[in-house]
Amino acid sequence: MYLLFDILSTVLSFYSFALIAYILMSWFPGARESSFGKILTNICEPYLEPFRKIIPPLGMIDISPIVAILVLRFASDGIWVLYGFLT
């Protein structure tokens, strides 16, 4: 059972790193048009879209990815809380 929770937590960590890479790519012109950028777009945009609908941008700053990463972090912590209840 521990292995399942550990794998799920690791997947969430890798996904949050992918989100951070995707966010950082917006600082470099043409980075999202590369093949790696397109892969990250296909992976990250479906998750970020609901947050962008709820949270409006503050001027030119989009804070929805920060909230999305925090939700992933809380989910990862919640996995271990759930594991503690199940054991």
Protein backbone atom coordinates (compact mmCIF):
# COMPACT_ATOMS: atom_id res chain seq x y z
CA MET A 1 0.00 0.00 0.00
CA TYR A 2 2.90 2.34 0.79
CA LEU A 3 4.29 1.82 -2.70
CA LEU A 4 1.04 2.96 -4.32
CA PHE A 5 0.92 6.15 -2.25
CA ASP A 6 4.61 6.79 -2.90
CA ILE A 7 4.17 6.41 -6.67
CA LEU A 8 1.14 8.71 -6.65
CA SER A 9 3.02 11.33 -4.64
CA THR A 10 5.99 11.09 -7.00
CA VAL A 11 3.76 11.52 -10.05
CA LEU A 12 2.23 14.65 -8.50
CA SER A 13 5.72 16.01 -7.79
CA PHE A 14 6.85 15.43 -11.38
CA TYR A 15 3.67 17.08 -12.65
CA SER A 16 4.30 20.14 -10.50
CA PHE A 17 7.84 20.33 -11.93
CA ALA A 18 6.36 20.12 -15.42
CA LEU A 19 4.05 23.01 -14.54
CA ILE A 20 6.99 25.07 -13.29
CA ALA A 21 8.92 24.36 -16.50
CA TYR A 22 5.87 25.33 -18.53
CA ILE A 23 5.51 28.60 -16.61
CA LEU A 24 9.19 29.43 -17.03
CA MET A 25 8.95 28.79 -20.77
CA SER A 26 6.65 31.80 -21.05
CA TRP A 27 9.62 34.04 -20.27
CA PHE A 28 11.53 32.92 -23.36
CA PRO A 29 10.20 33.86 -26.79
CA GLY A 30 9.42 30.87 -28.97
CA ALA A 31 10.04 28.31 -26.24
CA ARG A 32 6.45 27.08 -26.20
CA GLU A 33 6.55 26.59 -29.97
CA SER A 34 9.38 24.06 -29.68
CA SER A 35 8.61 20.35 -29.62
CA PHE A 36 9.25 20.16 -25.87
CA GLY A 37 7.05 23.22 -25.35
CA LYS A 38 4.22 21.63 -27.31
CA ILE A 39 4.45 18.48 -25.19
CA LEU A 40 4.30 20.54 -22.00
CA THR A 41 1.38 22.53 -23.42
CA ASN A 42 -0.56 19.32 -24.08
CA ILE A 43 0.20 18.08 -20.57
CA CYS A 44 -0.28 21.28 -18.56
CA GLU A 45 -3.03 23.29 -20.26
CA PRO A 46 -5.92 20.90 -19.51
CA TYR A 47 -5.09 21.20 -15.79
CA LEU A 48 -4.52 24.96 -15.86
CA GLU A 49 -7.65 25.83 -17.86
CA PRO A 50 -10.18 25.49 -14.99
CA PHE A 51 -7.99 27.67 -12.76
CA ARG A 52 -7.77 30.34 -15.46
CA LYS A 53 -11.56 30.39 -15.74
CA ILE A 54 -11.94 30.98 -12.00
CA ILE A 55 -8.99 33.29 -11.26
CA PRO A 56 -8.74 36.41 -13.42
CA PRO A 57 -5.27 37.73 -14.32
CA LEU A 58 -3.95 40.65 -12.30
CA GLY A 59 -2.91 43.00 -15.06
CA MET A 60 -0.31 41.10 -17.05
CA ILE A 61 0.33 38.59 -14.27
CA ASP A 62 -1.49 35.26 -14.32
CA ILE A 63 -1.50 33.80 -10.81
CA SER A 64 -3.61 30.77 -11.68
CA PRO A 65 -0.54 28.50 -12.18
CA ILE A 66 0.59 29.34 -8.65
CA VAL A 67 -2.79 28.31 -7.28
CA ALA A 68 -2.69 25.16 -9.43
CA ILE A 69 0.71 24.20 -8.02
CA LEU A 70 -0.52 24.82 -4.48
CA VAL A 71 -3.50 22.53 -5.13
CA LEU A 72 -1.11 19.82 -6.32
CA ARG A 73 0.99 20.31 -3.20
CA PHE A 74 -2.06 20.03 -0.94
CA ALA A 75 -3.14 16.90 -2.83
CA SER A 76 0.28 15.37 -2.33
CA ASP A 77 0.17 16.13 1.38
CA GLY A 78 -3.40 14.82 1.53
CA ILE A 79 -2.25 11.52 0.06
CA TRP A 80 0.05 10.98 3.03
CA VAL A 81 -2.64 12.02 5.50
CA LEU A 82 -4.95 9.47 3.88
CA TYR A 83 -2.20 6.87 4.09
CA GLY A 84 -1.85 7.62 7.81
CA PHE A 85 -5.56 7.01 8.33
CA LEU A 86 -5.49 3.76 6.37
CA THR A 87 -2.57 2.23 8.26
